[in-house]
Amino acid sequence: MSYTASATYRELDIASAPPARLVVMVYDFLLVHLTRARLSIDSHNVELRLESVAKAREAVSELLCGLDLDRGGELAGQLQSLYAFYLREPLE
């Protein structure tokens, strides 16, 4: 499968996914980039670390924006605090 076909498939998958599946997809994306960031730290690859951390922060921002505080109750509020903490704190 070519890159273009793969990207098109991924876009269609995202566009047609139900909300719960989208959350799982964003968490998967987040975990991949946190893992890459950790591995890049171990290998002293600063460029990959910066890119991976930026992508992880994008994922957390997406999760934060997607919270439904009205329907999510206490859990949504706790997740909001956790996501905001991650975005506020400088990463070392």
N, C-alpha and C. Protein backbone atom coordinates (compact mmCIF):
# COMPACT_ATOMS: atom_id res chain seq x y z
N MET A 1 0.85 -1.17 0.00
CA MET A 1 0.00 0.00 0.00
C MET A 1 0.90 1.23 0.00
N SER A 2 0.64 2.16 -0.88
CA SER A 2 1.46 3.36 -0.96
C SER A 2 1.15 4.29 0.21
N TYR A 3 2.04 5.26 0.40
CA TYR A 3 1.85 6.22 1.48
C TYR A 3 0.53 6.97 1.30
N THR A 4 0.24 7.38 0.08
CA THR A 4 -0.99 8.12 -0.19
C THR A 4 -2.22 7.26 0.10
N ALA A 5 -2.19 6.02 -0.32
CA ALA A 5 -3.31 5.13 -0.06
C ALA A 5 -3.45 4.88 1.44
N SER A 6 -2.33 4.72 2.11
CA SER A 6 -2.34 4.49 3.56
C SER A 6 -2.90 5.71 4.29
N ALA A 7 -2.48 6.90 3.88
CA ALA A 7 -2.97 8.13 4.51
C ALA A 7 -4.46 8.31 4.25
N THR A 8 -4.90 8.01 3.05
CA THR A 8 -6.33 8.11 2.71
C THR A 8 -7.14 7.14 3.55
N TYR A 9 -6.66 5.90 3.69
CA TYR A 9 -7.35 4.91 4.51
C TYR A 9 -7.45 5.40 5.96
N ARG A 10 -6.35 5.94 6.49
CA ARG A 10 -6.32 6.42 7.87
C ARG A 10 -7.32 7.57 8.04
N GLU A 11 -7.36 8.49 7.08
CA GLU A 11 -8.30 9.60 7.15
C GLU A 11 -9.75 9.11 7.14
N LEU A 12 -10.05 8.14 6.29
CA LEU A 12 -11.40 7.58 6.24
C LEU A 12 -11.75 6.85 7.54
N ASP A 13 -10.76 6.14 8.08
CA ASP A 13 -10.97 5.43 9.34
C ASP A 13 -11.30 6.41 10.46
N ILE A 14 -10.59 7.53 10.51
CA ILE A 14 -10.82 8.54 11.54
C ILE A 14 -12.18 9.21 11.33
N ALA A 15 -12.48 9.55 10.08
CA ALA A 15 -13.73 10.26 9.78
C ALA A 15 -14.96 9.43 10.10
N SER A 16 -14.84 8.11 10.00
CA SER A 16 -16.00 7.25 10.22
C SER A 16 -16.04 6.61 11.60
N ALA A 17 -15.05 6.87 12.42
CA ALA A 17 -14.97 6.23 13.73
C ALA A 17 -15.94 6.86 14.72
N PRO A 18 -16.56 6.04 15.55
CA PRO A 18 -17.41 6.59 16.62
C PRO A 18 -16.52 7.28 17.67
N PRO A 19 -17.10 8.16 18.47
CA PRO A 19 -16.31 8.92 19.44
C PRO A 19 -15.43 8.06 20.36
N ALA A 20 -15.93 6.97 20.86
CA ALA A 20 -15.14 6.13 21.76
C ALA A 20 -13.91 5.56 21.04
N ARG A 21 -14.07 5.19 19.80
CA ARG A 21 -12.95 4.68 19.00
C ARG A 21 -11.92 5.78 18.76
N LEU A 22 -12.38 7.01 18.54
CA LEU A 22 -11.47 8.14 18.35
C LEU A 22 -10.60 8.36 19.58
N VAL A 23 -11.20 8.24 20.75
CA VAL A 23 -10.43 8.40 22.00
C VAL A 23 -9.34 7.34 22.08
N VAL A 24 -9.68 6.10 21.75
CA VAL A 24 -8.69 5.02 21.77
C VAL A 24 -7.59 5.30 20.75
N MET A 25 -7.95 5.80 19.59
CA MET A 25 -6.95 6.10 18.56
C MET A 25 -5.99 7.20 19.03
N VAL A 26 -6.53 8.22 19.70
CA VAL A 26 -5.67 9.30 20.20
C VAL A 26 -4.77 8.78 21.31
N TYR A 27 -5.30 7.94 22.20
CA TYR A 27 -4.46 7.35 23.25
C TYR A 27 -3.36 6.49 22.64
N ASP A 28 -3.68 5.71 21.62
CA ASP A 28 -2.65 4.90 20.94
C ASP A 28 -1.56 5.79 20.37
N PHE A 29 -1.97 6.88 19.72
CA PHE A 29 -1.03 7.84 19.15
C PHE A 29 -0.15 8.42 20.25
N LEU A 30 -0.77 8.79 21.37
CA LEU A 30 -0.05 9.34 22.52
C LEU A 30 0.99 8.35 23.03
N LEU A 31 0.59 7.10 23.22
CA LEU A 31 1.52 6.09 23.74
C LEU A 31 2.69 5.84 22.80
N VAL A 32 2.43 5.82 21.51
CA VAL A 32 3.50 5.63 20.52
C VAL A 32 4.52 6.76 20.66
N HIS A 33 4.05 7.98 20.76
CA HIS A 33 4.99 9.11 20.80
C HIS A 33 5.66 9.27 22.15
N LEU A 34 5.02 8.88 23.23
CA LEU A 34 5.71 8.87 24.52
C LEU A 34 6.80 7.81 24.53
N THR A 35 6.53 6.67 23.93
CA THR A 35 7.54 5.62 23.83
C THR A 35 8.71 6.08 22.98
N ARG A 36 8.42 6.70 21.85
CA ARG A 36 9.48 7.24 20.99
C ARG A 36 10.31 8.29 21.73
N ALA A 37 9.64 9.12 22.51
CA ALA A 37 10.37 10.15 23.27
C ALA A 37 11.31 9.50 24.27
N ARG A 38 10.83 8.48 24.97
CA ARG A 38 11.68 7.79 25.95
C ARG A 38 12.87 7.13 25.27
N LEU A 39 12.63 6.47 24.14
CA LEU A 39 13.72 5.81 23.42
C LEU A 39 14.71 6.83 22.86
N SER A 40 14.21 7.98 22.44
CA SER A 40 15.11 9.01 21.90
C SER A 40 15.97 9.61 23.00
N ILE A 41 15.44 9.67 24.20
CA ILE A 41 16.24 10.14 25.34
C ILE A 41 17.37 9.14 25.59
N ASP A 42 17.04 7.86 25.58
CA ASP A 42 18.05 6.82 25.80
C ASP A 42 19.14 6.84 24.74
N SER A 43 18.77 7.19 23.51
CA SER A 43 19.74 7.20 22.41
C SER A 43 20.31 8.59 22.14
N HIS A 44 19.96 9.56 22.99
CA HIS A 44 20.47 10.93 22.88
C HIS A 44 20.12 11.58 21.53
N ASN A 45 18.95 11.24 21.01
CA ASN A 45 18.47 11.82 19.75
C ASN A 45 17.54 12.98 20.08
N VAL A 46 18.11 14.17 20.17
CA VAL A 46 17.36 15.35 20.61
C VAL A 46 16.25 15.71 19.63
N GLU A 47 16.54 15.64 18.35
CA GLU A 47 15.54 16.00 17.34
C GLU A 47 14.30 15.11 17.44
N LEU A 48 14.51 13.80 17.53
CA LEU A 48 13.39 12.88 17.65
C LEU A 48 12.64 13.08 18.97
N ARG A 49 13.37 13.37 20.03
CA ARG A 49 12.73 13.62 21.33
C ARG A 49 11.81 14.83 21.24
N LEU A 50 12.30 15.93 20.67
CA LEU A 50 11.48 17.13 20.56
C LEU A 50 10.25 16.88 19.70
N GLU A 51 10.42 16.19 18.59
CA GLU A 51 9.29 15.88 17.71
C GLU A 51 8.28 14.98 18.42
N SER A 52 8.77 13.97 19.12
CA SER A 52 7.87 13.02 19.80
C SER A 52 7.11 13.69 20.94
N VAL A 53 7.79 14.52 21.70
CA VAL A 53 7.13 15.23 22.80
C VAL A 53 6.08 16.19 22.25
N ALA A 54 6.39 16.87 21.15
CA ALA A 54 5.42 17.78 20.54
C ALA A 54 4.18 17.02 20.08
N LYS A 55 4.37 15.86 19.48
CA LYS A 55 3.23 15.06 19.02
C LYS A 55 2.43 14.52 20.20
N ALA A 56 3.11 14.14 21.27
CA ALA A 56 2.40 13.68 22.47
C ALA A 56 1.57 14.81 23.06
N ARG A 57 2.12 16.01 23.08
CA ARG A 57 1.38 17.16 23.59
C ARG A 57 0.16 17.47 22.71
N GLU A 58 0.31 17.30 21.40
CA GLU A 58 -0.83 17.48 20.50
C GLU A 58 -1.94 16.49 20.84
N ALA A 59 -1.55 15.26 21.12
CA ALA A 59 -2.55 14.24 21.46
C ALA A 59 -3.26 14.60 22.76
N VAL A 60 -2.51 15.05 23.75
CA VAL A 60 -3.12 15.43 25.03
C VAL A 60 -4.05 16.63 24.83
N SER A 61 -3.64 17.57 23.99
CA SER A 61 -4.51 18.71 23.69
C SER A 61 -5.81 18.25 23.05
N GLU A 62 -5.70 17.29 22.16
CA GLU A 62 -6.90 16.74 21.50
C GLU A 62 -7.81 16.07 22.52
N LEU A 63 -7.22 15.31 23.43
CA LEU A 63 -8.02 14.66 24.47
C LEU A 63 -8.70 15.70 25.37
N LEU A 64 -7.97 16.74 25.70
CA LEU A 64 -8.51 17.80 26.55
C LEU A 64 -9.68 18.50 25.86
N CYS A 65 -9.51 18.81 24.60
CA CYS A 65 -10.57 19.50 23.85
C CYS A 65 -11.80 18.61 23.65
N GLY A 66 -11.60 17.32 23.65
CA GLY A 66 -12.71 16.40 23.40
C GLY A 66 -13.51 16.03 24.63
N LEU A 67 -13.09 16.50 25.80
CA LEU A 67 -13.82 16.15 27.02
C LEU A 67 -15.20 16.80 27.03
N ASP A 68 -16.18 16.03 27.45
CA ASP A 68 -17.54 16.54 27.64
C ASP A 68 -17.76 16.67 29.14
N LEU A 69 -17.48 17.85 29.66
CA LEU A 69 -17.55 18.06 31.10
C LEU A 69 -18.98 17.97 31.64
N ASP A 70 -19.96 18.29 30.81
CA ASP A 70 -21.35 18.22 31.25
C ASP A 70 -21.79 16.77 31.45
N ARG A 71 -21.45 15.93 30.50
CA ARG A 71 -21.89 14.53 30.57
C ARG A 71 -20.88 13.63 31.27
N GLY A 72 -19.62 14.07 31.35
CA GLY A 72 -18.57 13.22 31.89
C GLY A 72 -18.45 13.23 33.39
N GLY A 73 -19.06 14.19 34.03
CA GLY A 73 -19.08 14.25 35.48
C GLY A 73 -17.69 14.37 36.10
N GLU A 74 -17.55 13.72 37.25
CA GLU A 74 -16.32 13.80 38.03
C GLU A 74 -15.12 13.25 37.26
N LEU A 75 -15.31 12.17 36.52
CA LEU A 75 -14.21 11.58 35.76
C LEU A 75 -13.67 12.56 34.72
N ALA A 76 -14.56 13.23 34.01
CA ALA A 76 -14.14 14.21 33.01
C ALA A 76 -13.36 15.35 33.67
N GLY A 77 -13.80 15.77 34.83
CA GLY A 77 -13.09 16.82 35.56
C GLY A 77 -11.70 16.38 35.98
N GLN A 78 -11.59 15.14 36.41
CA GLN A 78 -10.27 14.62 36.80
C GLN A 78 -9.35 14.49 35.59
N LEU A 79 -9.90 14.03 34.47
CA LEU A 79 -9.10 13.93 33.25
C LEU A 79 -8.67 15.32 32.79
N GLN A 80 -9.55 16.30 32.91
CA GLN A 80 -9.21 17.67 32.54
C GLN A 80 -8.01 18.15 33.35
N SER A 81 -8.03 17.88 34.63
CA SER A 81 -6.92 18.30 35.50
C SER A 81 -5.63 17.58 35.11
N LEU A 82 -5.72 16.29 34.83
CA LEU A 82 -4.55 15.52 34.44
C LEU A 82 -3.96 16.02 33.12
N TYR A 83 -4.80 16.22 32.13
CA TYR A 83 -4.34 16.70 30.82
C TYR A 83 -3.73 18.09 30.94
N ALA A 84 -4.38 18.97 31.70
CA ALA A 84 -3.87 20.33 31.88
C ALA A 84 -2.52 20.30 32.59
N PHE A 85 -2.37 19.44 33.57
CA PHE A 85 -1.09 19.29 34.28
C PHE A 85 0.00 18.89 33.29
N TYR A 86 -0.29 17.91 32.45
CA TYR A 86 0.71 17.45 31.48
C TYR A 86 1.11 18.57 30.54
N LEU A 87 0.16 19.37 30.12
CA LEU A 87 0.46 20.46 29.18
C LEU A 87 1.19 21.63 29.85
N ARG A 88 0.96 21.82 31.13
CA ARG A 88 1.58 22.92 31.88
C ARG A 88 3.01 22.64 32.27
N GLU A 89 3.26 21.41 32.64
CA GLU A 89 4.56 21.05 33.19
C GLU A 89 5.64 20.98 32.11
N PRO A 90 6.77 21.57 32.39
CA PRO A 90 7.88 21.42 31.43
C PRO A 90 8.37 19.98 31.46
N LEU A 91 8.68 19.48 30.30
CA LEU A 91 9.15 18.10 30.22
C LEU A 91 10.67 18.08 30.25
N GLU A 92 11.19 17.21 31.07
CA GLU A 92 12.64 17.14 31.20
C GLU A 92 13.17 15.91 30.51
